[in-house]
Amino acid sequence: MGDQKSILCVEDDSDACELAASVLKEFEVITAASKADAVEKVKLRNYSLILVDYFLPDGTGEEFTKHVRIFDKRTPILFVTGSADFSETQARTIGAQGTLKKGRPDFVNELRQRALELSR
């Protein structure tokens, strides 16, 4: 592992985290399949970036972000979601750095660009 930066991918669809890991090879991508699992992992380790889906099996990415911001105000959080009901403005209001919509034609390039920008 060494000095490799790490990303926490909070997503119940393992394919989405595998995609992130393949696009972001310079990062160690750690996965969490639920809000509860993700909160525990954030408490135990520092990450360069957190990618979070909006819909999780035990709640929402919004609830997760609000909880994390109580004890971690600095780690960048980027919503990666297919939800049309959650906006960039809503993400920023709760302390995240924005949203990235799944399924867009340039999704992979946007994911890479945003991850590199936010993890500096």
N, C-alpha and C. Protein backbone atom coordinates (compact mmCIF):
# COMPACT_ATOMS: atom_id res chain seq x y z
N MET A 1 0.83 -1.19 0.00
CA MET A 1 0.00 0.00 0.00
C MET A 1 0.87 1.25 0.00
N GLY A 2 1.77 1.42 0.96
CA GLY A 2 2.68 2.55 0.97
C GLY A 2 1.98 3.89 1.02
N ASP A 3 2.38 4.79 0.11
CA ASP A 3 1.82 6.14 0.09
C ASP A 3 0.64 6.27 -0.86
N GLN A 4 0.12 5.16 -1.34
CA GLN A 4 -0.99 5.21 -2.27
C GLN A 4 -2.21 5.84 -1.60
N LYS A 5 -2.83 6.78 -2.31
CA LYS A 5 -4.03 7.41 -1.79
C LYS A 5 -5.18 6.41 -1.85
N SER A 6 -6.15 6.61 -0.95
CA SER A 6 -7.27 5.68 -0.94
C SER A 6 -8.60 6.41 -1.09
N ILE A 7 -9.54 5.70 -1.70
CA ILE A 7 -10.89 6.19 -1.90
C ILE A 7 -11.84 5.20 -1.25
N LEU A 8 -12.81 5.72 -0.52
CA LEU A 8 -13.88 4.87 0.01
C LEU A 8 -15.04 4.96 -0.95
N CYS A 9 -15.46 3.81 -1.48
CA CYS A 9 -16.59 3.74 -2.40
C CYS A 9 -17.78 3.16 -1.63
N VAL A 10 -18.76 4.01 -1.35
CA VAL A 10 -19.93 3.61 -0.57
C VAL A 10 -21.06 3.34 -1.54
N GLU A 11 -21.29 2.06 -1.80
CA GLU A 11 -22.18 1.67 -2.90
C GLU A 11 -22.58 0.21 -2.70
N ASP A 12 -23.87 -0.10 -2.81
CA ASP A 12 -24.31 -1.48 -2.64
C ASP A 12 -24.19 -2.29 -3.93
N ASP A 13 -23.87 -1.65 -5.04
CA ASP A 13 -23.65 -2.34 -6.31
C ASP A 13 -22.14 -2.50 -6.49
N SER A 14 -21.64 -3.71 -6.28
CA SER A 14 -20.19 -3.93 -6.32
C SER A 14 -19.59 -3.59 -7.69
N ASP A 15 -20.38 -3.70 -8.76
CA ASP A 15 -19.87 -3.36 -10.09
C ASP A 15 -19.45 -1.89 -10.17
N ALA A 16 -20.18 -1.02 -9.48
CA ALA A 16 -19.85 0.41 -9.51
C ALA A 16 -18.49 0.67 -8.86
N CYS A 17 -18.22 -0.01 -7.75
CA CYS A 17 -16.91 0.17 -7.10
C CYS A 17 -15.80 -0.47 -7.92
N GLU A 18 -16.10 -1.59 -8.57
CA GLU A 18 -15.09 -2.20 -9.45
C GLU A 18 -14.76 -1.28 -10.62
N LEU A 19 -15.77 -0.60 -11.15
CA LEU A 19 -15.54 0.37 -12.22
C LEU A 19 -14.64 1.50 -11.71
N ALA A 20 -14.96 2.03 -10.54
CA ALA A 20 -14.14 3.10 -9.95
C ALA A 20 -12.70 2.63 -9.78
N ALA A 21 -12.51 1.41 -9.29
CA ALA A 21 -11.16 0.88 -9.08
C ALA A 21 -10.41 0.74 -10.41
N SER A 22 -11.10 0.35 -11.47
CA SER A 22 -10.43 0.18 -12.76
C SER A 22 -10.10 1.52 -13.41
N VAL A 23 -10.93 2.53 -13.16
CA VAL A 23 -10.70 3.86 -13.73
C VAL A 23 -9.64 4.63 -12.93
N LEU A 24 -9.59 4.37 -11.62
CA LEU A 24 -8.72 5.11 -10.71
C LEU A 24 -7.63 4.20 -10.16
N LYS A 25 -6.81 3.66 -11.05
CA LYS A 25 -5.81 2.66 -10.68
C LYS A 25 -4.76 3.18 -9.69
N GLU A 26 -4.55 4.49 -9.66
CA GLU A 26 -3.53 5.02 -8.77
C GLU A 26 -4.02 5.10 -7.32
N PHE A 27 -5.28 4.76 -7.09
CA PHE A 27 -5.86 4.77 -5.75
C PHE A 27 -6.14 3.36 -5.29
N GLU A 28 -6.08 3.17 -3.99
CA GLU A 28 -6.61 1.95 -3.39
C GLU A 28 -8.09 2.24 -3.16
N VAL A 29 -8.98 1.47 -3.74
CA VAL A 29 -10.42 1.67 -3.59
C VAL A 29 -10.94 0.66 -2.57
N ILE A 30 -11.43 1.20 -1.46
CA ILE A 30 -12.01 0.40 -0.38
C ILE A 30 -13.52 0.49 -0.53
N THR A 31 -14.22 -0.61 -0.38
CA THR A 31 -15.67 -0.59 -0.57
C THR A 31 -16.42 -0.73 0.75
N ALA A 32 -17.59 -0.12 0.76
CA ALA A 32 -18.53 -0.25 1.87
C ALA A 32 -19.91 -0.39 1.23
N ALA A 33 -20.64 -1.43 1.59
CA ALA A 33 -21.92 -1.70 0.93
C ALA A 33 -23.11 -1.10 1.66
N SER A 34 -22.85 -0.45 2.80
CA SER A 34 -23.96 0.15 3.56
C SER A 34 -23.49 1.41 4.26
N LYS A 35 -24.45 2.20 4.70
CA LYS A 35 -24.16 3.43 5.44
C LYS A 35 -23.40 3.10 6.73
N ALA A 36 -23.88 2.10 7.47
CA ALA A 36 -23.25 1.74 8.75
C ALA A 36 -21.80 1.30 8.55
N ASP A 37 -21.56 0.46 7.56
CA ASP A 37 -20.21 -0.01 7.25
C ASP A 37 -19.31 1.16 6.88
N ALA A 38 -19.83 2.07 6.09
CA ALA A 38 -19.05 3.22 5.65
C ALA A 38 -18.68 4.14 6.81
N VAL A 39 -19.61 4.40 7.70
CA VAL A 39 -19.32 5.26 8.86
C VAL A 39 -18.19 4.64 9.68
N GLU A 40 -18.25 3.34 9.91
CA GLU A 40 -17.19 2.67 10.68
C GLU A 40 -15.84 2.80 9.98
N LYS A 41 -15.82 2.63 8.68
CA LYS A 41 -14.57 2.71 7.94
C LYS A 41 -14.00 4.13 7.96
N VAL A 42 -14.85 5.14 7.92
CA VAL A 42 -14.37 6.53 7.97
C VAL A 42 -13.79 6.84 9.35
N LYS A 43 -14.34 6.24 10.37
CA LYS A 43 -13.83 6.47 11.73
C LYS A 43 -12.46 5.82 11.94
N LEU A 44 -12.18 4.76 11.20
CA LEU A 44 -10.95 3.99 11.40
C LEU A 44 -9.77 4.44 10.53
N ARG A 45 -10.04 5.22 9.48
CA ARG A 45 -9.00 5.51 8.51
C ARG A 45 -9.29 6.83 7.79
N ASN A 46 -8.23 7.46 7.31
CA ASN A 46 -8.39 8.66 6.49
C ASN A 46 -8.41 8.27 5.01
N TYR A 47 -9.25 8.95 4.26
CA TYR A 47 -9.37 8.72 2.82
C TYR A 47 -9.08 10.01 2.08
N SER A 48 -8.62 9.88 0.84
CA SER A 48 -8.40 11.04 -0.01
C SER A 48 -9.71 11.55 -0.57
N LEU A 49 -10.69 10.64 -0.69
CA LEU A 49 -11.98 10.97 -1.28
C LEU A 49 -12.98 9.89 -0.89
N ILE A 50 -14.24 10.30 -0.73
CA ILE A 50 -15.32 9.34 -0.52
C ILE A 50 -16.30 9.50 -1.67
N LEU A 51 -16.56 8.39 -2.37
CA LEU A 51 -17.59 8.35 -3.41
C LEU A 51 -18.81 7.67 -2.77
N VAL A 52 -19.97 8.29 -2.86
CA VAL A 52 -21.14 7.72 -2.19
C VAL A 52 -22.36 7.76 -3.10
N ASP A 53 -23.08 6.64 -3.12
CA ASP A 53 -24.34 6.57 -3.85
C ASP A 53 -25.41 7.22 -2.97
N TYR A 54 -26.49 7.67 -3.59
CA TYR A 54 -27.56 8.27 -2.79
C TYR A 54 -28.37 7.19 -2.07
N PHE A 55 -28.78 6.16 -2.79
CA PHE A 55 -29.61 5.11 -2.17
C PHE A 55 -28.72 3.98 -1.66
N LEU A 56 -28.79 3.73 -0.36
CA LEU A 56 -28.03 2.65 0.28
C LEU A 56 -29.03 1.72 0.98
N PRO A 57 -28.66 0.48 1.24
CA PRO A 57 -29.61 -0.47 1.82
C PRO A 57 -30.13 -0.06 3.19
N ASP A 58 -29.35 0.71 3.94
CA ASP A 58 -29.76 1.08 5.30
C ASP A 58 -29.93 2.60 5.46
N GLY A 59 -30.21 3.29 4.38
CA GLY A 59 -30.43 4.73 4.47
C GLY A 59 -30.01 5.41 3.18
N THR A 60 -29.59 6.66 3.32
CA THR A 60 -29.18 7.43 2.13
C THR A 60 -27.77 7.97 2.28
N GLY A 61 -27.20 8.28 1.15
CA GLY A 61 -25.89 8.94 1.15
C GLY A 61 -25.96 10.30 1.83
N GLU A 62 -27.12 10.93 1.76
CA GLU A 62 -27.31 12.21 2.43
C GLU A 62 -27.18 12.04 3.95
N GLU A 63 -27.83 11.02 4.50
CA GLU A 63 -27.71 10.74 5.94
C GLU A 63 -26.27 10.43 6.31
N PHE A 64 -25.61 9.62 5.48
CA PHE A 64 -24.21 9.28 5.71
C PHE A 64 -23.34 10.54 5.75
N THR A 65 -23.51 11.41 4.76
CA THR A 65 -22.70 12.63 4.68
C THR A 65 -22.92 13.52 5.88
N LYS A 66 -24.16 13.72 6.27
CA LYS A 66 -24.45 14.55 7.45
C LYS A 66 -23.78 13.97 8.69
N HIS A 67 -23.81 12.65 8.83
CA HIS A 67 -23.19 12.00 9.99
C HIS A 67 -21.67 12.18 9.96
N VAL A 68 -21.06 11.94 8.81
CA VAL A 68 -19.60 12.07 8.69
C VAL A 68 -19.16 13.50 8.96
N ARG A 69 -19.92 14.47 8.48
CA ARG A 69 -19.53 15.87 8.66
C ARG A 69 -19.53 16.31 10.12
N ILE A 70 -20.12 15.55 11.00
CA ILE A 70 -20.06 15.85 12.44
C ILE A 70 -18.62 15.70 12.94
N PHE A 71 -17.91 14.68 12.46
CA PHE A 71 -16.55 14.43 12.97
C PHE A 71 -15.46 14.57 11.91
N ASP A 72 -15.82 14.75 10.66
CA ASP A 72 -14.83 14.91 9.58
C ASP A 72 -15.35 15.95 8.60
N LYS A 73 -14.81 17.15 8.72
CA LYS A 73 -15.26 18.25 7.86
C LYS A 73 -14.40 18.40 6.60
N ARG A 74 -13.30 17.64 6.50
CA ARG A 74 -12.32 17.90 5.45
C ARG A 74 -12.32 16.92 4.28
N THR A 75 -12.59 15.64 4.52
CA THR A 75 -12.49 14.66 3.44
C THR A 75 -13.52 14.98 2.35
N PRO A 76 -13.08 15.13 1.11
CA PRO A 76 -14.03 15.41 0.03
C PRO A 76 -15.00 14.24 -0.16
N ILE A 77 -16.27 14.58 -0.37
CA ILE A 77 -17.31 13.58 -0.62
C ILE A 77 -17.98 13.94 -1.94
N LEU A 78 -18.05 12.95 -2.83
CA LEU A 78 -18.68 13.14 -4.13
C LEU A 78 -19.79 12.12 -4.28
N PHE A 79 -21.00 12.58 -4.50
CA PHE A 79 -22.13 11.69 -4.75
C PHE A 79 -22.02 11.17 -6.17
N VAL A 80 -22.09 9.85 -6.32
CA VAL A 80 -22.11 9.21 -7.63
C VAL A 80 -23.42 8.44 -7.66
N THR A 81 -24.41 8.99 -8.34
CA THR A 81 -25.75 8.45 -8.25
C THR A 81 -26.51 8.54 -9.56
N GLY A 82 -27.46 7.67 -9.69
CA GLY A 82 -28.36 7.73 -10.83
C GLY A 82 -29.63 8.47 -10.49
N SER A 83 -29.77 8.88 -9.23
CA SER A 83 -30.99 9.55 -8.77
C SER A 83 -31.14 10.93 -9.40
N ALA A 84 -32.28 11.14 -10.01
CA ALA A 84 -32.58 12.45 -10.59
C ALA A 84 -33.13 13.39 -9.52
N ASP A 85 -33.42 12.85 -8.34
CA ASP A 85 -34.03 13.64 -7.27
C ASP A 85 -33.02 14.32 -6.36
N PHE A 86 -31.73 14.09 -6.58
CA PHE A 86 -30.70 14.66 -5.71
C PHE A 86 -29.80 15.54 -6.55
N SER A 87 -29.71 16.81 -6.22
CA SER A 87 -29.01 17.78 -7.06
C SER A 87 -27.63 18.17 -6.52
N GLU A 88 -26.88 18.80 -7.38
CA GLU A 88 -25.57 19.36 -7.03
C GLU A 88 -25.72 20.33 -5.85
N THR A 89 -26.75 21.16 -5.90
CA THR A 89 -26.99 22.13 -4.83
C THR A 89 -27.26 21.43 -3.50
N GLN A 90 -28.09 20.39 -3.52
CA GLN A 90 -28.37 19.65 -2.29
C GLN A 90 -27.09 19.03 -1.73
N ALA A 91 -26.27 18.46 -2.61
CA ALA A 91 -25.02 17.84 -2.17
C ALA A 91 -24.13 18.87 -1.49
N ARG A 92 -23.98 20.02 -2.11
CA ARG A 92 -23.11 21.05 -1.54
C ARG A 92 -23.66 21.62 -0.24
N THR A 93 -24.97 21.71 -0.14
CA THR A 93 -25.61 22.23 1.08
C THR A 93 -25.29 21.37 2.30
N ILE A 94 -25.16 20.06 2.11
CA ILE A 94 -24.88 19.18 3.25
C ILE A 94 -23.38 18.93 3.45
N GLY A 95 -22.55 19.59 2.69
CA GLY A 95 -21.11 19.50 2.91
C GLY A 95 -20.35 18.61 1.95
N ALA A 96 -21.01 18.12 0.91
CA ALA A 96 -20.30 17.34 -0.11
C ALA A 96 -19.76 18.28 -1.18
N GLN A 97 -18.92 17.75 -2.05
CA GLN A 97 -18.31 18.57 -3.09
C GLN A 97 -19.09 18.52 -4.40
N GLY A 98 -20.20 17.78 -4.43
CA GLY A 98 -21.02 17.78 -5.63
C GLY A 98 -21.55 16.40 -5.96
N THR A 99 -22.05 16.29 -7.20
CA THR A 99 -22.63 15.04 -7.68
C THR A 99 -22.07 14.69 -9.05
N LEU A 100 -22.11 13.43 -9.35
CA LEU A 100 -21.76 12.91 -10.65
C LEU A 100 -22.85 11.91 -11.01
N LYS A 101 -23.49 12.12 -12.13
CA LYS A 101 -24.63 11.26 -12.50
C LYS A 101 -24.16 10.02 -13.25
N LYS A 102 -24.57 8.86 -12.74
CA LYS A 102 -24.28 7.58 -13.40
C LYS A 102 -24.99 7.53 -14.74
N GLY A 103 -24.38 6.83 -15.67
CA GLY A 103 -25.04 6.58 -16.94
C GLY A 103 -24.84 7.64 -18.00
N ARG A 104 -24.21 8.74 -17.65
CA ARG A 104 -23.94 9.76 -18.67
C ARG A 104 -22.87 9.24 -19.61
N PRO A 105 -22.89 9.66 -20.88
CA PRO A 105 -21.91 9.15 -21.86
C PRO A 105 -20.46 9.39 -21.44
N ASP A 106 -20.19 10.49 -20.76
CA ASP A 106 -18.82 10.82 -20.36
C ASP A 106 -18.57 10.52 -18.89
N PHE A 107 -19.37 9.62 -18.30
CA PHE A 107 -19.28 9.32 -16.87
C PHE A 107 -17.87 8.91 -16.44
N VAL A 108 -17.25 7.99 -17.16
CA VAL A 108 -15.94 7.48 -16.77
C VAL A 108 -14.90 8.61 -16.76
N ASN A 109 -14.90 9.43 -17.79
CA ASN A 109 -13.95 10.56 -17.84
C ASN A 109 -14.22 11.56 -16.73
N GLU A 110 -15.50 11.85 -16.48
CA GLU A 110 -15.85 12.78 -15.41
C GLU A 110 -15.44 12.23 -14.05
N LEU A 111 -15.66 10.94 -13.83
CA LEU A 111 -15.28 10.32 -12.56
C LEU A 111 -13.78 10.48 -12.34
N ARG A 112 -13.01 10.17 -13.36
CA ARG A 112 -11.55 10.29 -13.23
C ARG A 112 -11.13 11.74 -12.96
N GLN A 113 -11.68 12.66 -13.73
CA GLN A 113 -11.30 14.07 -13.57
C GLN A 113 -11.67 14.58 -12.18
N ARG A 114 -12.90 14.34 -11.75
CA ARG A 114 -13.34 14.84 -10.43
C ARG A 114 -12.55 14.19 -9.30
N ALA A 115 -12.30 12.90 -9.40
CA ALA A 115 -11.54 12.21 -8.35
C ALA A 115 -10.14 12.77 -8.21
N LEU A 116 -9.48 13.00 -9.34
CA LEU A 116 -8.13 13.55 -9.30
C LEU A 116 -8.13 14.98 -8.74
N GLU A 117 -9.11 15.79 -9.14
CA GLU A 117 -9.20 17.16 -8.63
C GLU A 117 -9.46 17.18 -7.12
N LEU A 118 -10.41 16.39 -6.67
CA LEU A 118 -10.83 16.43 -5.28
C LEU A 118 -9.84 15.79 -4.31
N SER A 119 -9.03 14.88 -4.80
CA SER A 119 -8.13 14.14 -3.89
C SER A 119 -6.76 14.78 -3.73
N ARG A 120 -6.57 15.95 -4.27
CA ARG A 120 -5.25 16.61 -4.15
C ARG A 120 -4.90 16.93 -2.73
